[in-house]
C-alpha atoms as a PDB file:
ATOM      1  CA  MET A   1       0.095   0.051   0.033  1.00  0.00           C
ATOM      2  CA  SER A   2       1.530   3.309  -0.958  1.00  0.00           C
ATOM      3  CA  ASN A   3       1.571   6.534   1.124  1.00  0.00           C
ATOM      4  CA  ASN A   4      -0.620   8.173  -1.459  1.00  0.00           C
ATOM      5  CA  HIS A   5      -3.523   5.674  -0.526  1.00  0.00           C
ATOM      6  CA  LEU A   6      -4.172   8.061   2.718  1.00  0.00           C
ATOM      7  CA  ASP A   7      -3.451  11.510   1.206  1.00  0.00           C
ATOM      8  CA  ASN A   8      -7.128  12.086   0.334  1.00  0.00           C
ATOM      9  CA  LEU A   9      -8.809  10.901   3.588  1.00  0.00           C
ATOM     10  CA  VAL A  10     -10.693  13.651   4.963  1.00  0.00           C
ATOM     11  CA  PRO A  11     -12.888  12.952   8.147  1.00  0.00           C
ATOM     12  CA  SER A  12     -16.156  14.776   9.081  1.00  0.00           C
ATOM     13  CA  ILE A  13     -16.839  14.696  13.007  1.00  0.00           C
ATOM     14  CA  GLU A  14     -20.390  13.885  13.516  1.00  0.00           C
ATOM     15  CA  TYR A  15     -20.057  13.275  17.296  1.00  0.00           C
ATOM     16  CA  PHE A  16     -17.232  13.815  19.867  1.00  0.00           C
ATOM     17  CA  VAL A  17     -17.634  13.394  23.499  1.00  0.00           C
ATOM     18  CA  ASN A  18     -15.304  13.041  26.788  1.00  0.00           C
ATOM     19  CA  ARG A  19     -17.106  10.135  28.295  1.00  0.00           C
ATOM     20  CA  LYS A  20     -16.984   9.611  32.157  1.00  0.00           C
ATOM     21  CA  LEU A  21     -19.297   6.616  32.451  1.00  0.00           C
ATOM     22  CA  THR A  22     -21.363   5.218  35.221  1.00  0.00           C
ATOM     23  CA  PRO A  23     -20.893   1.432  36.156  1.00  0.00           C
ATOM     24  CA  SER A  24     -24.057   0.574  34.400  1.00  0.00           C
ATOM     25  CA  TRP A  25     -23.175   2.179  30.904  1.00  0.00           C
ATOM     26  CA  LYS A  26     -23.573  -0.115  27.840  1.00  0.00           C
ATOM     27  CA  VAL A  27     -24.038  -0.008  24.156  1.00  0.00           C
ATOM     28  CA  GLU A  28     -26.654  -2.021  22.861  1.00  0.00           C
ATOM     29  CA  LYS A  29     -25.965  -4.362  19.991  1.00  0.00           C
ATOM     30  CA  SER A  30     -26.564  -2.517  16.714  1.00  0.00           C
ATOM     31  CA  LEU A  31     -25.360  -1.944  13.039  1.00  0.00           C
ATOM     32  CA  ILE A  32     -23.471   1.321  12.855  1.00  0.00           C
ATOM     33  CA  ASP A  33     -23.494   3.776   9.959  1.00  0.00           C
ATOM     34  CA  PHE A  34     -20.473   5.660  10.994  1.00  0.00           C
ATOM     35  CA  ASN A  35     -16.915   5.029  12.123  1.00  0.00           C
ATOM     36  CA  ASP A  36     -16.106   5.002  15.773  1.00  0.00           C
ATOM     37  CA  LEU A  37     -12.818   5.718  17.074  1.00  0.00           C
ATOM     38  CA  THR A  38     -12.536   5.364  20.934  1.00  0.00           C
ATOM     39  CA  PHE A  39      -9.459   6.008  23.210  1.00  0.00           C
ATOM     40  CA  VAL A  40      -9.636   4.704  26.813  1.00  0.00           C
ATOM     41  CA  TYR A  41      -7.595   6.772  29.233  1.00  0.00           C
ATOM     42  CA  SER A  42      -8.783   5.360  32.439  1.00  0.00           C
ATOM     43  CA  GLY A  43     -10.749   2.213  33.417  1.00  0.00           C
ATOM     44  CA  LYS A  44     -11.885  -0.822  31.704  1.00  0.00           C
ATOM     45  CA  ALA A  45     -14.407  -1.604  28.997  1.00  0.00           C
ATOM     46  CA  THR A  46     -15.471  -4.461  26.863  1.00  0.00           C
ATOM     47  CA  TYR A  47     -16.433  -4.001  23.080  1.00  0.00           C
ATOM     48  CA  ILE A  48     -18.062  -6.717  20.881  1.00  0.00           C
ATOM     49  CA  VAL A  49     -17.253  -6.074  17.275  1.00  0.00           C
ATOM     50  CA  ASN A  50     -18.711  -8.257  14.841  1.00  0.00           C
ATOM     51  CA  ASP A  51     -19.081 -10.994  17.389  1.00  0.00           C
ATOM     52  CA  VAL A  52     -15.391 -10.522  18.435  1.00  0.00           C
ATOM     53  CA  GLU A  53     -14.757  -9.469  22.091  1.00  0.00           C
ATOM     54  CA  TYR A  54     -12.122  -6.734  22.716  1.00  0.00           C
ATOM     55  CA  THR A  55     -11.176  -5.766  26.516  1.00  0.00           C
ATOM     56  CA  LEU A  56      -9.837  -2.158  26.709  1.00  0.00           C
ATOM     57  CA  LYS A  57      -7.897  -0.635  29.286  1.00  0.00           C
ATOM     58  CA  HIS A  58      -5.675   2.531  29.970  1.00  0.00           C
ATOM     59  CA  GLY A  59      -4.001   3.629  26.671  1.00  0.00           C
ATOM     60  CA  ASP A  60      -5.904   1.389  24.268  1.00  0.00           C
ATOM     61  CA  PHE A  61      -8.012   2.410  21.171  1.00  0.00           C
ATOM     62  CA  ILE A  62     -10.794   0.775  19.414  1.00  0.00           C
ATOM     63  CA  TYR A  63     -11.564   1.404  15.670  1.00  0.00           C
ATOM     64  CA  VAL A  64     -15.111   0.338  14.534  1.00  0.00           C
ATOM     65  CA  PRO A  65     -15.541   0.910  10.913  1.00  0.00           C
ATOM     66  CA  GLU A  66     -18.737   1.939   9.189  1.00  0.00           C
ATOM     67  CA  GLY A  67     -21.113  -1.263   8.588  1.00  0.00           C
ATOM     68  CA  SER A  68     -20.000  -3.103  11.668  1.00  0.00           C
ATOM     69  CA  VAL A  69     -22.039  -4.511  14.503  1.00  0.00           C
ATOM     70  CA  ARG A  70     -21.163  -3.379  17.908  1.00  0.00           C
ATOM     71  CA  GLU A  71     -22.008  -3.448  21.428  1.00  0.00           C
ATOM     72  CA  ALA A  72     -20.156  -2.580  24.729  1.00  0.00           C
ATOM     73  CA  TYR A  73     -20.073  -2.296  28.503  1.00  0.00           C
ATOM     74  CA  THR A  74     -17.899  -1.219  31.317  1.00  0.00           C
ATOM     75  CA  TYR A  75     -17.312  -2.573  34.953  1.00  0.00           C
ATOM     76  CA  GLU A  76     -18.628  -1.624  38.331  1.00  0.00           C
ATOM     77  CA  ASN A  77     -15.334  -1.363  39.800  1.00  0.00           C
ATOM     78  CA  GLU A  78     -13.530   0.162  36.999  1.00  0.00           C
ATOM     79  CA  PRO A  79     -15.911   2.353  35.135  1.00  0.00           C
ATOM     80  CA  VAL A  80     -14.332   3.440  31.686  1.00  0.00           C
ATOM     81  CA  GLN A  81     -13.328   7.023  30.870  1.00  0.00           C
ATOM     82  CA  CYS A  82     -12.734   7.652  27.331  1.00  0.00           C
ATOM     83  CA  TYR A  83     -12.725  10.116  24.397  1.00  0.00           C
ATOM     84  CA  SER A  84     -15.135   8.913  21.509  1.00  0.00           C
ATOM     85  CA  ILE A  85     -15.344  10.283  18.030  1.00  0.00           C
ATOM     86  CA  ASN A  86     -18.080   9.120  15.511  1.00  0.00           C
ATOM     87  CA  PHE A  87     -17.198  10.289  12.106  1.00  0.00           C
ATOM     88  CA  ASN A  88     -17.702   9.707   8.335  1.00  0.00           C
ATOM     89  CA  TRP A  89     -15.357  10.191   5.591  1.00  0.00           C
ATOM     90  CA  LEU A  90     -16.079  13.010   3.174  1.00  0.00           C
ATOM     91  CA  PHE A  91     -15.056  11.031   0.088  1.00  0.00           C
ATOM     92  CA  PRO A  92     -15.868   7.340   1.137  1.00  0.00           C
ATOM     93  CA  ASP A  93     -15.198   5.531  -2.077  1.00  0.00           C
ATOM     94  CA  ASN A  94     -12.907   2.524  -1.607  1.00  0.00           C
ATOM     95  CA  VAL A  95     -11.602   3.753   2.112  1.00  0.00           C
ATOM     96  CA  ASP A  96      -9.204   1.309   3.528  1.00  0.00           C
ATOM     97  CA  PHE A  97      -8.229   2.752   6.750  1.00  0.00           C
ATOM     98  CA  PRO A  98      -5.221   0.737   7.994  1.00  0.00           C
ATOM     99  CA  LEU A  99      -5.865   0.150  11.659  1.00  0.00           C
ATOM    100  CA  GLN A 100      -6.637  -3.045  13.585  1.00  0.00           C
ATOM    101  CA  THR A 101      -9.984  -2.984  15.603  1.00  0.00           C
ATOM    102  CA  LYS A 102      -8.059  -2.714  18.773  1.00  0.00           C
ATOM    103  CA  PHE A 103      -4.606  -1.361  19.150  1.00  0.00           C
ATOM    104  CA  ASN A 104      -2.146   0.559  21.711  1.00  0.00           C
ATOM    105  CA  THR A 105       0.104   3.396  20.463  1.00  0.00           C
ATOM    106  CA  GLY A 106       2.240   3.068  23.248  1.00  0.00           C
ATOM    107  CA  THR A 107       2.168   7.080  23.857  1.00  0.00           C
ATOM    108  CA  PHE A 108      -0.203   8.938  26.077  1.00  0.00           C
ATOM    109  CA  ASN A 109       0.491  12.650  26.963  1.00  0.00           C
ATOM    110  CA  ASP A 110       0.919  13.638  23.343  1.00  0.00           C
ATOM    111  CA  LEU A 111      -2.390  12.182  22.408  1.00  0.00           C
ATOM    112  CA  MET A 112      -4.046  13.386  25.421  1.00  0.00           C
ATOM    113  CA  HIS A 113      -2.935  16.943  24.788  1.00  0.00           C
ATOM    114  CA  LEU A 114      -4.490  16.846  21.270  1.00  0.00           C
ATOM    115  CA  TYR A 115      -7.805  15.142  22.612  1.00  0.00           C
ATOM    116  CA  LYS A 116      -7.968  17.981  25.339  1.00  0.00           C
ATOM    117  CA  GLU A 117      -7.291  20.923  22.656  1.00  0.00           C
ATOM    118  CA  LEU A 118     -10.101  18.968  20.383  1.00  0.00           C
ATOM    119  CA  GLU A 119     -12.494  18.967  23.496  1.00  0.00           C
ATOM    120  CA  ASN A 120     -11.993  22.505  24.068  1.00  0.00           C
ATOM    121  CA  VAL A 121     -12.603  23.518  20.616  1.00  0.00           C
ATOM    122  CA  TRP A 122     -15.693  21.324  20.317  1.00  0.00           C
ATOM    123  CA  LEU A 123     -17.270  22.586  23.398  1.00  0.00           C
ATOM    124  CA  GLU A 124     -16.659  26.275  22.754  1.00  0.00           C
ATOM    125  CA  LYS A 125     -17.981  26.207  19.171  1.00  0.00           C
ATOM    126  CA  LYS A 126     -16.425  29.525  18.305  1.00  0.00           C
ATOM    127  CA  PHE A 127     -16.423  30.880  14.566  1.00  0.00           C
ATOM    128  CA  GLY A 128     -14.607  28.247  12.534  1.00  0.00           C
ATOM    129  CA  TYR A 129     -14.714  25.378  15.125  1.00  0.00           C
ATOM    130  CA  VAL A 130     -15.755  22.916  12.636  1.00  0.00           C
ATOM    131  CA  ILE A 131     -12.735  23.389  10.517  1.00  0.00           C
ATOM    132  CA  LYS A 132     -10.398  23.517  13.536  1.00  0.00           C
ATOM    133  CA  SER A 133     -11.785  20.446  15.213  1.00  0.00           C
ATOM    134  CA  ARG A 134     -11.327  18.546  11.949  1.00  0.00           C
ATOM    135  CA  ALA A 135      -7.587  19.826  11.813  1.00  0.00           C
ATOM    136  CA  ILE A 136      -6.992  18.430  15.467  1.00  0.00           C
ATOM    137  CA  PHE A 137      -8.691  15.096  14.530  1.00  0.00           C
ATOM    138  CA  MET A 138      -6.565  14.753  11.486  1.00  0.00           C
ATOM    139  CA  LEU A 139      -3.442  15.412  13.638  1.00  0.00           C
ATOM    140  CA  ILE A 140      -4.638  12.555  16.171  1.00  0.00           C
ATOM    141  CA  LEU A 141      -4.955  10.387  13.134  1.00  0.00           C
ATOM    142  CA  HIS A 142      -1.652  11.207  11.704  1.00  0.00           C
ATOM    143  CA  LYS A 143       0.016  10.559  15.014  1.00  0.00           C
ATOM    144  CA  ILE A 144      -1.721   6.939  15.051  1.00  0.00           C
ATOM    145  CA  LEU A 145      -0.725   6.336  11.584  1.00  0.00           C
ATOM    146  CA  GLU A 146       2.831   7.372  12.221  1.00  0.00           C
ATOM    147  CA  ILE A 147       3.083   4.796  15.005  1.00  0.00           C
ATOM    148  CA  LYS A 148       0.781   1.883  13.665  1.00  0.00           C
ATOM    149  CA  TYR A 149       1.095   2.334   9.820  1.00  0.00           C
ATOM    150  CA  TYR A 150       4.404   4.053   9.260  1.00  0.00           C
ATOM    151  CA  LYS A 151       5.997   2.320  12.310  1.00  0.00           C
ATOM    152  CA  LYS A 152       7.738   5.376  13.265  1.00  0.00           C
ATOM    153  CA  SER A 153       9.763   5.420  16.408  1.00  0.00           C
ATOM    154  CA  GLN A 154       8.260   7.287  19.437  1.00  0.00           C
ATOM    155  CA  ILE A 155      11.986   8.320  20.542  1.00  0.00           C
ATOM    156  CA  VAL A 156      11.873  11.979  21.335  1.00  0.00           C
ATOM    157  CA  VAL A 157      13.849  13.629  18.599  1.00  0.00           C
ATOM    158  CA  ASP A 158      17.162  15.234  20.015  1.00  0.00           C
ATOM    159  CA  GLN A 159      16.955  18.970  19.899  1.00  0.00           C
ATOM    160  CA  ARG A 160      20.359  19.296  18.013  1.00  0.00           C
ATOM    161  CA  ILE A 161      18.973  17.273  15.212  1.00  0.00           C
ATOM    162  CA  GLN A 162      15.886  19.655  14.935  1.00  0.00           C
ATOM    163  CA  GLN A 163      18.357  22.463  14.808  1.00  0.00           C
ATOM    164  CA  ILE A 164      20.318  20.889  12.041  1.00  0.00           C
ATOM    165  CA  LYS A 165      16.837  20.417  10.020  1.00  0.00           C
ATOM    166  CA  ASN A 166      15.599  24.075  10.714  1.00  0.00           C
ATOM    167  CA  TYR A 167      19.150  25.291   9.402  1.00  0.00           C
ATOM    168  CA  ILE A 168      18.832  23.089   6.297  1.00  0.00           C
ATOM    169  CA  LEU A 169      15.414  24.416   5.572  1.00  0.00           C
ATOM    170  CA  SER A 170      16.473  27.885   5.691  1.00  0.00           C
ATOM    171  CA  ASN A 171      19.859  27.601   4.003  1.00  0.00           C
ATOM    172  CA  TYR A 172      19.242  24.586   1.395  1.00  0.00           C
ATOM    173  CA  ASN A 173      20.493  26.912  -1.458  1.00  0.00           C
ATOM    174  CA  GLN A 174      23.880  27.421   0.189  1.00  0.00           C
ATOM    175  CA  ASN A 175      27.011  25.402   0.399  1.00  0.00           C
ATOM    176  CA  ILE A 176      26.174  23.098   3.297  1.00  0.00           C
ATOM    177  CA  SER A 177      29.060  20.696   4.605  1.00  0.00           C
ATOM    178  CA  ILE A 178      28.616  18.201   7.501  1.00  0.00           C
ATOM    179  CA  LYS A 179      31.691  20.084   9.149  1.00  0.00           C
ATOM    180  CA  THR A 180      29.712  23.246   9.248  1.00  0.00           C
ATOM    181  CA  LEU A 181      26.693  21.450  10.809  1.00  0.00           C
ATOM    182  CA  SER A 182      28.591  19.377  13.353  1.00  0.00           C
ATOM    183  CA  GLU A 183      30.455  22.819  14.444  1.00  0.00           C
ATOM    184  CA  MET A 184      27.090  24.386  14.931  1.00  0.00           C
ATOM    185  CA  VAL A 185      25.942  21.668  17.441  1.00  0.00           C
ATOM    186  CA  ASN A 186      29.388  21.016  18.778  1.00  0.00           C
ATOM    187  CA  LEU A 187      29.573  17.175  17.603  1.00  0.00           C
ATOM    188  CA  ASN A 188      31.995  15.208  15.956  1.00  0.00           C
ATOM    189  CA  PRO A 189      31.103  14.712  12.207  1.00  0.00           C
ATOM    190  CA  VAL A 190      30.832  11.118  12.242  1.00  0.00           C
ATOM    191  CA  TYR A 191      28.781  10.810  15.431  1.00  0.00           C
ATOM    192  CA  LEU A 192      26.352  13.692  13.924  1.00  0.00           C
ATOM    193  CA  GLY A 193      26.017  11.746  10.684  1.00  0.00           C
ATOM    194  CA  ALA A 194      25.029   8.467  12.894  1.00  0.00           C
ATOM    195  CA  LEU A 195      22.791  10.379  15.137  1.00  0.00           C
ATOM    196  CA  PHE A 196      20.939  12.167  12.087  1.00  0.00           C
ATOM    197  CA  LYS A 197      20.483   8.764  10.377  1.00  0.00           C
ATOM    198  CA  LYS A 198      19.141   7.119  13.564  1.00  0.00           C
ATOM    199  CA  TYR A 199      16.254   9.719  13.627  1.00  0.00           C
ATOM    200  CA  ASN A 200      15.555  10.312  10.064  1.00  0.00           C
ATOM    201  CA  ASN A 201      16.172   6.997   8.318  1.00  0.00           C
ATOM    202  CA  CYS A 202      18.453   8.727   5.898  1.00  0.00           C
ATOM    203  CA  SER A 203      22.066  10.352   5.780  1.00  0.00           C
ATOM    204  CA  LEU A 204      22.462  14.100   6.019  1.00  0.00           C
ATOM    205  CA  LYS A 205      23.473  14.357   2.360  1.00  0.00           C
ATOM    206  CA  GLU A 206      20.208  12.375   1.487  1.00  0.00           C
ATOM    207  CA  TYR A 207      18.019  14.714   3.548  1.00  0.00           C
ATOM    208  CA  LEU A 208      19.633  17.855   2.187  1.00  0.00           C
ATOM    209  CA  ASN A 209      19.041  16.332  -1.416  1.00  0.00           C
ATOM    210  CA  MET A 210      15.597  15.482  -0.572  1.00  0.00           C
ATOM    211  CA  ILE A 211      14.604  19.150   0.297  1.00  0.00           C
ATOM    212  CA  ARG A 212      16.334  20.553  -2.604  1.00  0.00           C
ATOM    213  CA  ILE A 213      14.814  18.243  -4.996  1.00  0.00           C
ATOM    214  CA  ASN A 214      11.338  19.185  -3.343  1.00  0.00           C
ATOM    215  CA  THR A 215      11.831  22.673  -3.407  1.00  0.00           C
ATOM    216  CA  SER A 216      13.242  22.504  -7.137  1.00  0.00           C
ATOM    217  CA  GLU A 217      10.000  20.860  -8.140  1.00  0.00           C
ATOM    218  CA  ASN A 218       7.825  23.423  -6.678  1.00  0.00           C
ATOM    219  CA  LEU A 219       9.627  26.061  -8.727  1.00  0.00           C
ATOM    220  CA  LEU A 220       9.376  24.026 -11.738  1.00  0.00           C
ATOM    221  CA  CYS A 221       5.755  23.810 -11.113  1.00  0.00           C
ATOM    222  CA  THR A 222       5.154  27.512 -11.424  1.00  0.00           C
ATOM    223  CA  GLY A 223       6.238  27.648 -14.903  1.00  0.00           C
ATOM    224  CA  GLY A 224       8.740  30.541 -14.361  1.00  0.00           C
ATOM    225  CA  TYR A 225      11.864  28.793 -14.100  1.00  0.00           C
ATOM    226  CA  SER A 226      14.115  26.525 -16.524  1.00  0.00           C
ATOM    227  CA  VAL A 227      15.592  23.461 -15.179  1.00  0.00           C
ATOM    228  CA  SER A 228      19.018  24.962 -14.595  1.00  0.00           C
ATOM    229  CA  GLU A 229      17.627  27.920 -12.860  1.00  0.00           C
ATOM    230  CA  ALA A 230      15.605  25.831 -10.518  1.00  0.00           C
ATOM    231  CA  ALA A 231      18.705  23.749  -9.937  1.00  0.00           C
ATOM    232  CA  HIS A 232      20.884  26.589  -9.147  1.00  0.00           C
ATOM    233  CA  LEU A 233      18.235  28.419  -7.073  1.00  0.00           C
ATOM    234  CA  CYS A 234      18.066  25.210  -4.856  1.00  0.00           C
ATOM    235  CA  GLY A 235      21.818  24.791  -4.232  1.00  0.00           C
ATOM    236  CA  PHE A 236      22.747  22.424  -7.259  1.00  0.00           C
ATOM    237  CA  ASN A 237      25.823  23.710  -9.107  1.00  0.00           C
ATOM    238  CA  ASP A 238      25.984  20.548 -11.441  1.00  0.00           C
ATOM    239  CA  ILE A 239      22.982  20.522 -13.706  1.00  0.00           C
ATOM    240  CA  PHE A 240      23.705  16.664 -14.461  1.00  0.00           C
ATOM    241  CA  TYR A 241      23.913  15.680 -10.918  1.00  0.00           C
ATOM    242  CA  PHE A 242      20.637  17.632 -10.155  1.00  0.00           C
ATOM    243  CA  SER A 243      18.882  15.770 -12.904  1.00  0.00           C
ATOM    244  CA  LYS A 244      20.330  12.451 -11.745  1.00  0.00           C
ATOM    245  CA  GLN A 245      19.159  13.064  -8.204  1.00  0.00           C
ATOM    246  CA  PHE A 246      15.778  14.459  -9.301  1.00  0.00           C
ATOM    247  CA  LYS A 247      15.053  11.386 -11.218  1.00  0.00           C
ATOM    248  CA  LYS A 248      16.134   9.058  -8.731  1.00  0.00           C
ATOM    249  CA  GLN A 249      13.745  10.599  -6.263  1.00  0.00           C
ATOM    250  CA  ARG A 250      10.853  11.099  -8.425  1.00  0.00           C
ATOM    251  CA  GLY A 251      11.223   8.424 -11.093  1.00  0.00           C
ATOM    252  CA  TYR A 252      11.142  11.123 -13.742  1.00  0.00           C
ATOM    253  CA  PRO A 253      13.341  13.944 -14.990  1.00  0.00           C
ATOM    254  CA  PRO A 254      12.978  17.647 -14.051  1.00  0.00           C
ATOM    255  CA  SER A 255      12.216  18.301 -17.722  1.00  0.00           C
ATOM    256  CA  PHE A 256       9.037  16.290 -17.401  1.00  0.00           C
ATOM    257  CA  VAL A 257       7.533  18.801 -14.852  1.00  0.00           C
ATOM    258  CA  LEU A 258       8.016  21.573 -17.431  1.00  0.00           C
ATOM    259  CA  LYS A 259       6.369  19.545 -20.110  1.00  0.00           C
ATOM    260  CA  LYS A 260       3.333  19.010 -17.694  1.00  0.00           C
ATOM    261  CA  GLN A 261       3.080  22.855 -17.430  1.00  0.00           C
END
């Protein structure tokens, strides 16, 4: 499954609530015409989805897609507290959201922060709250996908690596050497290279080329630059090396972008 499969997924929140349930709470067995994403942050509950039983505790999610049969109940000595979102996809054709029915992201504070922000926006209902709520929910979905689908490590990124990336984003058109970057963060060049790859799954040179290529394609898409001009503005002095790297990353040469224009 390619990453592009997920690019056009846009959720529409129909119902959102921070549930603090009584011991007698239950959901009667029924067929749902929406998607249910519930995040348990305290207590214990059991969901039965399409006749399969799932017990949820602190930090667990349950994702019940549209068209499923579900029922649920909590426990007298551990009544559940959870955030529940019922939503639909605005463009539902062939939606295949890559999540298991029950899962645990292994994170808590970051997601709780997003859910609390969503709760605040949803309850205040200020001007534009629908758009803002959708944006926060999409951040929640993105974080979940990073962990469960993209398998991204949840190690907190070293601030020195973030400093390097910020510098590259602002100076990609300059002559950037690993020596310059290592001196900036007071690290040995070899160690910096290994540390950067640990957090980004690519070398510093590969990352720099990626930023330069992405930026050059944006320039070419405007139709106002030649291939050589775009290459030069993005820090490539060798047009042949630029074209080689562009095709390596994109699968087509930079001239193809101009032809599309």
